[in-house]
Amino acid sequence: MERYDGLCQNIHGHSYKLRVTVAGTPIEDRNNPKEGMLIDFSDLKRIVEASIIRKYDHALVLNSKTDAAAINTLRNHYERIVIVDYQPTSEQILIEFAKILREVLPSNVHLHSLRLNETDTSYAEWFAESIY
């Protein structure tokens, strides 16, 4: 495999922003304190925090094909390293996040889309309707 030839070939970080959009039918039960909501935003935030943010925030994400000696050296200097079986581009990270969230969202809540900003003007998007 040929190495990527841009600036991102070097270890670097991003100030990612993740936008999660869900869809479904709002709760219609008049006795439910969350009537009219699909999901309480605080519940959605808790789910995203527990399933994604805790693992990936301030972590170095590396492809499992990275040289093992390099990974071991980095592990000696950094605590938060996540090894993944894909090239950790924003596009691939979104596919991973979609898989995670689809497993943990309540059954009445469907993942509609994700948007991951690397910068204010650079982002990738994932839409449930475009699953292939």
C-alpha atoms as a PDB file:
ATOM      1  CA  MET A   1       0.000   0.000   0.000  1.00  0.00           C
ATOM      2  CA  GLU A   2       1.357   3.378  -0.976  1.00  0.00           C
ATOM      3  CA  ARG A   3       1.516   6.041   1.719  1.00  0.00           C
ATOM      4  CA  TYR A   4      -0.776   9.034   1.596  1.00  0.00           C
ATOM      5  CA  ASP A   5       1.152  11.928   0.020  1.00  0.00           C
ATOM      6  CA  GLY A   6      -0.431  14.931   1.767  1.00  0.00           C
ATOM      7  CA  LEU A   7       0.232  16.746   5.041  1.00  0.00           C
ATOM      8  CA  CYS A   8      -1.980  14.288   6.908  1.00  0.00           C
ATOM      9  CA  GLN A   9       0.664  11.569   6.496  1.00  0.00           C
ATOM     10  CA  ASN A  10       2.215  13.010   9.656  1.00  0.00           C
ATOM     11  CA  ILE A  11       0.805  12.424  13.124  1.00  0.00           C
ATOM     12  CA  HIS A  12      -1.532  15.300  13.776  1.00  0.00           C
ATOM     13  CA  GLY A  13      -4.787  16.191  15.486  1.00  0.00           C
ATOM     14  CA  HIS A  14      -8.071  17.841  14.723  1.00  0.00           C
ATOM     15  CA  SER A  15     -10.632  19.753  16.728  1.00  0.00           C
ATOM     16  CA  TYR A  16     -13.438  17.498  15.609  1.00  0.00           C
ATOM     17  CA  LYS A  17     -17.084  18.392  15.984  1.00  0.00           C
ATOM     18  CA  LEU A  18     -19.634  15.605  15.645  1.00  0.00           C
ATOM     19  CA  ARG A  19     -23.234  16.330  14.652  1.00  0.00           C
ATOM     20  CA  VAL A  20     -25.758  13.540  15.169  1.00  0.00           C
ATOM     21  CA  THR A  21     -29.199  13.677  13.552  1.00  0.00           C
ATOM     22  CA  VAL A  22     -31.865  11.158  14.508  1.00  0.00           C
ATOM     23  CA  ALA A  23     -35.325  10.442  13.134  1.00  0.00           C
ATOM     24  CA  GLY A  24     -38.434   8.642  14.268  1.00  0.00           C
ATOM     25  CA  THR A  25     -41.880   9.208  15.702  1.00  0.00           C
ATOM     26  CA  PRO A  26     -42.149  11.398  18.802  1.00  0.00           C
ATOM     27  CA  ILE A  27     -43.597   9.852  21.946  1.00  0.00           C
ATOM     28  CA  GLU A  28     -47.394  10.181  21.956  1.00  0.00           C
ATOM     29  CA  ASP A  29     -48.103   8.842  25.448  1.00  0.00           C
ATOM     30  CA  ARG A  30     -49.700  11.688  27.465  1.00  0.00           C
ATOM     31  CA  ASN A  31     -48.516  10.053  30.682  1.00  0.00           C
ATOM     32  CA  ASN A  32     -44.883  10.080  29.577  1.00  0.00           C
ATOM     33  CA  PRO A  33     -43.017  13.189  30.794  1.00  0.00           C
ATOM     34  CA  LYS A  34     -41.172  13.188  27.448  1.00  0.00           C
ATOM     35  CA  GLU A  35     -44.364  13.292  25.376  1.00  0.00           C
ATOM     36  CA  GLY A  36     -43.729  15.037  22.061  1.00  0.00           C
ATOM     37  CA  MET A  37     -40.018  14.187  22.046  1.00  0.00           C
ATOM     38  CA  LEU A  38     -38.320  11.585  19.920  1.00  0.00           C
ATOM     39  CA  ILE A  39     -35.477  11.482  22.446  1.00  0.00           C
ATOM     40  CA  ASP A  40     -34.479  13.933  25.128  1.00  0.00           C
ATOM     41  CA  PHE A  41     -31.366  15.777  23.921  1.00  0.00           C
ATOM     42  CA  SER A  42     -29.675  15.084  27.252  1.00  0.00           C
ATOM     43  CA  ASP A  43     -30.259  11.345  26.727  1.00  0.00           C
ATOM     44  CA  LEU A  44     -28.840  11.516  23.203  1.00  0.00           C
ATOM     45  CA  LYS A  45     -25.823  13.442  24.478  1.00  0.00           C
ATOM     46  CA  ARG A  46     -25.261  10.818  27.195  1.00  0.00           C
ATOM     47  CA  ILE A  47     -25.419   8.002  24.624  1.00  0.00           C
ATOM     48  CA  VAL A  48     -22.930   9.716  22.289  1.00  0.00           C
ATOM     49  CA  GLU A  49     -20.634  10.542  25.206  1.00  0.00           C
ATOM     50  CA  ALA A  50     -20.641   6.977  26.534  1.00  0.00           C
ATOM     51  CA  SER A  51     -20.302   5.175  23.217  1.00  0.00           C
ATOM     52  CA  ILE A  52     -18.008   7.473  21.221  1.00  0.00           C
ATOM     53  CA  ILE A  53     -16.568  10.489  23.013  1.00  0.00           C
ATOM     54  CA  ARG A  54     -15.071   8.624  25.974  1.00  0.00           C
ATOM     55  CA  LYS A  55     -13.120   6.363  23.640  1.00  0.00           C
ATOM     56  CA  TYR A  56     -12.077   8.743  20.864  1.00  0.00           C
ATOM     57  CA  ASP A  57     -11.756  12.188  22.475  1.00  0.00           C
ATOM     58  CA  HIS A  58      -8.087  13.247  22.736  1.00  0.00           C
ATOM     59  CA  ALA A  59      -6.977   9.861  21.395  1.00  0.00           C
ATOM     60  CA  LEU A  60      -4.467   9.001  18.708  1.00  0.00           C
ATOM     61  CA  VAL A  61      -6.315   6.821  16.203  1.00  0.00           C
ATOM     62  CA  LEU A  62      -4.054   4.501  14.212  1.00  0.00           C
ATOM     63  CA  ASN A  63      -4.607   1.921  11.497  1.00  0.00           C
ATOM     64  CA  SER A  64      -3.817  -1.612  12.693  1.00  0.00           C
ATOM     65  CA  LYS A  65      -1.426  -1.865   9.712  1.00  0.00           C
ATOM     66  CA  THR A  66       0.816   0.757  11.333  1.00  0.00           C
ATOM     67  CA  ASP A  67       4.270  -0.585  12.123  1.00  0.00           C
ATOM     68  CA  ALA A  68       4.032  -2.542  15.404  1.00  0.00           C
ATOM     69  CA  ALA A  69       7.295  -1.087  16.726  1.00  0.00           C
ATOM     70  CA  ALA A  70       5.965   2.424  16.121  1.00  0.00           C
ATOM     71  CA  ILE A  71       2.722   1.600  17.933  1.00  0.00           C
ATOM     72  CA  ASN A  72       4.662   0.185  20.912  1.00  0.00           C
ATOM     73  CA  THR A  73       6.878   3.274  21.057  1.00  0.00           C
ATOM     74  CA  LEU A  74       3.820   5.513  21.008  1.00  0.00           C
ATOM     75  CA  ARG A  75       2.135   3.434  23.725  1.00  0.00           C
ATOM     76  CA  ASN A  76       5.163   4.114  25.947  1.00  0.00           C
ATOM     77  CA  HIS A  77       4.522   7.850  25.636  1.00  0.00           C
ATOM     78  CA  TYR A  78       0.764   8.198  25.248  1.00  0.00           C
ATOM     79  CA  GLU A  79      -2.168   6.643  27.099  1.00  0.00           C
ATOM     80  CA  ARG A  80      -4.993   7.234  24.658  1.00  0.00           C
ATOM     81  CA  ILE A  81      -4.280   5.245  21.517  1.00  0.00           C
ATOM     82  CA  VAL A  82      -7.096   3.603  19.578  1.00  0.00           C
ATOM     83  CA  ILE A  83      -6.189   0.979  16.993  1.00  0.00           C
ATOM     84  CA  VAL A  84      -8.723   0.475  14.193  1.00  0.00           C
ATOM     85  CA  ASP A  85      -8.919  -1.918  11.227  1.00  0.00           C
ATOM     86  CA  TYR A  86      -9.299   0.886   8.688  1.00  0.00           C
ATOM     87  CA  GLN A  87      -7.511   4.017   7.529  1.00  0.00           C
ATOM     88  CA  PRO A  88      -8.754   6.592  10.070  1.00  0.00           C
ATOM     89  CA  THR A  89     -10.078   9.199   7.668  1.00  0.00           C
ATOM     90  CA  SER A  90     -13.112  11.232   8.645  1.00  0.00           C
ATOM     91  CA  GLU A  91     -15.167   9.188   6.198  1.00  0.00           C
ATOM     92  CA  GLN A  92     -14.139   5.861   7.731  1.00  0.00           C
ATOM     93  CA  ILE A  93     -14.477   7.166  11.283  1.00  0.00           C
ATOM     94  CA  LEU A  94     -18.072   8.180  10.494  1.00  0.00           C
ATOM     95  CA  ILE A  95     -18.859   4.686   9.227  1.00  0.00           C
ATOM     96  CA  GLU A  96     -17.528   3.309  12.536  1.00  0.00           C
ATOM     97  CA  PHE A  97     -19.520   5.851  14.572  1.00  0.00           C
ATOM     98  CA  ALA A  98     -22.680   4.968  12.632  1.00  0.00           C
ATOM     99  CA  LYS A  99     -22.211   1.271  13.424  1.00  0.00           C
ATOM    100  CA  ILE A 100     -21.724   2.067  17.100  1.00  0.00           C
ATOM    101  CA  LEU A 101     -24.708   4.410  17.411  1.00  0.00           C
ATOM    102  CA  ARG A 102     -27.087   2.142  15.508  1.00  0.00           C
ATOM    103  CA  GLU A 103     -26.422  -0.543  18.124  1.00  0.00           C
ATOM    104  CA  VAL A 104     -27.019   1.669  21.175  1.00  0.00           C
ATOM    105  CA  LEU A 105     -29.831   4.043  20.217  1.00  0.00           C
ATOM    106  CA  PRO A 106     -33.295   3.231  21.599  1.00  0.00           C
ATOM    107  CA  SER A 107     -35.388   1.111  19.230  1.00  0.00           C
ATOM    108  CA  ASN A 108     -37.750   4.003  18.407  1.00  0.00           C
ATOM    109  CA  VAL A 109     -34.835   6.269  17.401  1.00  0.00           C
ATOM    110  CA  HIS A 110     -33.165   5.855  14.025  1.00  0.00           C
ATOM    111  CA  LEU A 111     -29.835   7.317  13.045  1.00  0.00           C
ATOM    112  CA  HIS A 112     -30.473   9.655  10.115  1.00  0.00           C
ATOM    113  CA  SER A 113     -27.081  11.290   9.552  1.00  0.00           C
ATOM    114  CA  LEU A 114     -23.708  12.144  11.006  1.00  0.00           C
ATOM    115  CA  ARG A 115     -21.408  15.032  10.215  1.00  0.00           C
ATOM    116  CA  LEU A 116     -17.815  15.149  11.408  1.00  0.00           C
ATOM    117  CA  ASN A 117     -15.986  18.447  11.054  1.00  0.00           C
ATOM    118  CA  GLU A 118     -12.191  18.288  11.066  1.00  0.00           C
ATOM    119  CA  THR A 119     -12.079  22.076  10.818  1.00  0.00           C
ATOM    120  CA  ASP A 120     -14.701  24.777  10.388  1.00  0.00           C
ATOM    121  CA  THR A 121     -14.731  24.224   6.626  1.00  0.00           C
ATOM    122  CA  SER A 122     -13.655  20.571   6.174  1.00  0.00           C
ATOM    123  CA  TYR A 123     -16.084  17.810   7.019  1.00  0.00           C
ATOM    124  CA  ALA A 124     -17.469  14.439   6.013  1.00  0.00           C
ATOM    125  CA  GLU A 125     -21.093  13.354   6.207  1.00  0.00           C
ATOM    126  CA  TRP A 126     -22.802   9.983   6.526  1.00  0.00           C
ATOM    127  CA  PHE A 127     -26.476   9.436   5.693  1.00  0.00           C
ATOM    128  CA  ALA A 128     -28.457   6.311   6.579  1.00  0.00           C
ATOM    129  CA  GLU A 129     -30.151   6.390   3.182  1.00  0.00           C
ATOM    130  CA  SER A 130     -26.817   6.046   1.393  1.00  0.00           C
ATOM    131  CA  ILE A 131     -25.718   2.788   3.021  1.00  0.00           C
ATOM    132  CA  TYR A 132     -24.184   0.511   0.456  1.00  0.00           C
END
